Amino acid sequence: MTTVPTSHLSAGEPVLTGDVIGTDFGLPLVRPVKTARGGRVRVVRSRCRAHGGVVVWFTDGTKTPPLHGRTGWILAEPGPGAPAQDVA
């Protein structure tokens, strides 16, 4: 189980999140999970600084509330049959 801080997330990384906790201007909000059990895999689209922290946007249209840059994210393990990602 590998964890990455919010400040080091990059686009295309699969991470584990919890269920939707609310909305912000109609967009569903999610938070990182603390354990790998019961997490949902979401792919990072981008992250940006916002008033109060860093917001992470996901490819499925969800986002996080402003988080501290040191908040940890559990990277999702690729499942069987998943395409391999090139690491350069």
Protein backbone atom coordinates (compact mmCIF):
# COMPACT_ATOMS: atom_id res chain seq x y z
CA MET A 1 0.00 0.00 0.00
CA THR A 2 1.61 3.22 -1.21
CA THR A 3 0.56 6.65 0.01
CA VAL A 4 1.20 9.98 -1.67
CA PRO A 5 0.62 13.49 -0.26
CA THR A 6 -1.84 15.77 -2.05
CA SER A 7 0.98 18.08 -3.11
CA HIS A 8 2.62 15.22 -5.08
CA LEU A 9 -0.45 13.84 -6.88
CA SER A 10 -0.25 13.95 -10.65
CA ALA A 11 -2.86 13.61 -13.39
CA GLY A 12 -3.74 10.02 -14.25
CA GLU A 13 -2.95 8.53 -10.83
CA PRO A 14 -5.62 6.16 -9.49
CA VAL A 15 -6.35 6.81 -5.80
CA LEU A 16 -8.83 5.49 -3.25
CA THR A 17 -11.61 7.76 -2.03
CA GLY A 18 -14.67 7.40 0.12
CA ASP A 19 -18.29 7.88 -0.85
CA VAL A 20 -19.75 11.27 -1.74
CA ILE A 21 -19.96 13.45 1.40
CA GLY A 22 -21.86 16.42 -0.03
CA THR A 23 -21.87 18.88 -2.91
CA ASP A 24 -20.21 22.17 -3.79
CA PHE A 25 -22.07 24.18 -6.45
CA GLY A 26 -23.62 20.92 -7.65
CA LEU A 27 -20.35 18.97 -7.85
CA PRO A 28 -20.06 15.87 -5.63
CA LEU A 29 -17.39 16.10 -2.91
CA VAL A 30 -15.22 13.16 -1.83
CA ARG A 31 -12.35 12.67 0.62
CA PRO A 32 -9.42 10.25 0.74
CA VAL A 33 -9.88 7.05 2.73
CA LYS A 34 -7.65 6.08 5.64
CA THR A 35 -7.57 2.35 4.83
CA ALA A 36 -7.74 0.38 1.60
CA ARG A 37 -10.92 -1.39 2.76
CA GLY A 38 -14.10 0.00 1.22
CA GLY A 39 -12.43 2.64 -0.94
CA ARG A 40 -13.52 3.59 -4.43
CA VAL A 41 -10.93 4.07 -7.17
CA ARG A 42 -10.96 7.48 -8.83
CA VAL A 43 -8.46 8.86 -11.34
CA VAL A 44 -6.91 12.27 -10.69
CA ARG A 45 -7.65 14.82 -13.42
CA SER A 46 -5.82 17.74 -11.83
CA ARG A 47 -5.12 19.55 -8.58
CA CYS A 48 -5.03 23.25 -7.90
CA ARG A 49 -4.48 25.62 -5.04
CA ALA A 50 -7.58 27.22 -3.63
CA HIS A 51 -8.37 29.48 -0.74
CA GLY A 52 -7.98 27.21 2.25
CA GLY A 53 -5.96 24.40 0.68
CA VAL A 54 -5.55 22.23 -2.40
CA VAL A 55 -8.52 20.91 -4.40
CA VAL A 56 -8.18 17.63 -6.31
CA TRP A 57 -10.42 17.11 -9.36
CA PHE A 58 -11.23 13.61 -10.64
CA THR A 59 -12.12 12.37 -14.12
CA ASP A 60 -15.61 11.27 -13.01
CA GLY A 61 -16.64 14.86 -12.19
CA THR A 62 -16.05 14.72 -8.43
CA LYS A 63 -13.67 16.86 -6.43
CA THR A 64 -12.42 17.31 -2.88
CA PRO A 65 -13.05 20.16 -0.50
CA PRO A 66 -9.86 22.20 0.10
CA LEU A 67 -7.33 19.87 1.75
CA HIS A 68 -3.94 20.35 3.36
CA GLY A 69 -1.09 19.58 0.94
CA ARG A 70 0.19 16.84 3.26
CA THR A 71 -3.08 14.90 3.30
CA GLY A 72 -2.23 11.32 2.32
CA TRP A 73 -3.81 9.38 -0.55
CA ILE A 74 -3.66 5.61 -0.97
CA LEU A 75 -2.68 4.69 -4.53
CA ALA A 76 -4.93 2.06 -6.08
CA GLU A 77 -3.25 -1.11 -7.24
CA PRO A 78 -3.88 -1.98 -10.88
CA GLY A 79 -6.25 -4.89 -11.18
CA PRO A 80 -5.70 -7.98 -13.30
CA GLY A 81 -6.09 -7.21 -16.97
CA ALA A 82 -5.49 -3.47 -16.44
CA PRO A 83 -3.22 -1.85 -19.02
CA ALA A 84 0.33 -1.33 -17.80
CA GLN A 85 1.42 2.26 -17.26
CA ASP A 86 4.82 3.34 -18.53
CA VAL A 87 7.06 4.86 -15.88
CA ALA A 88 9.61 7.19 -17.40
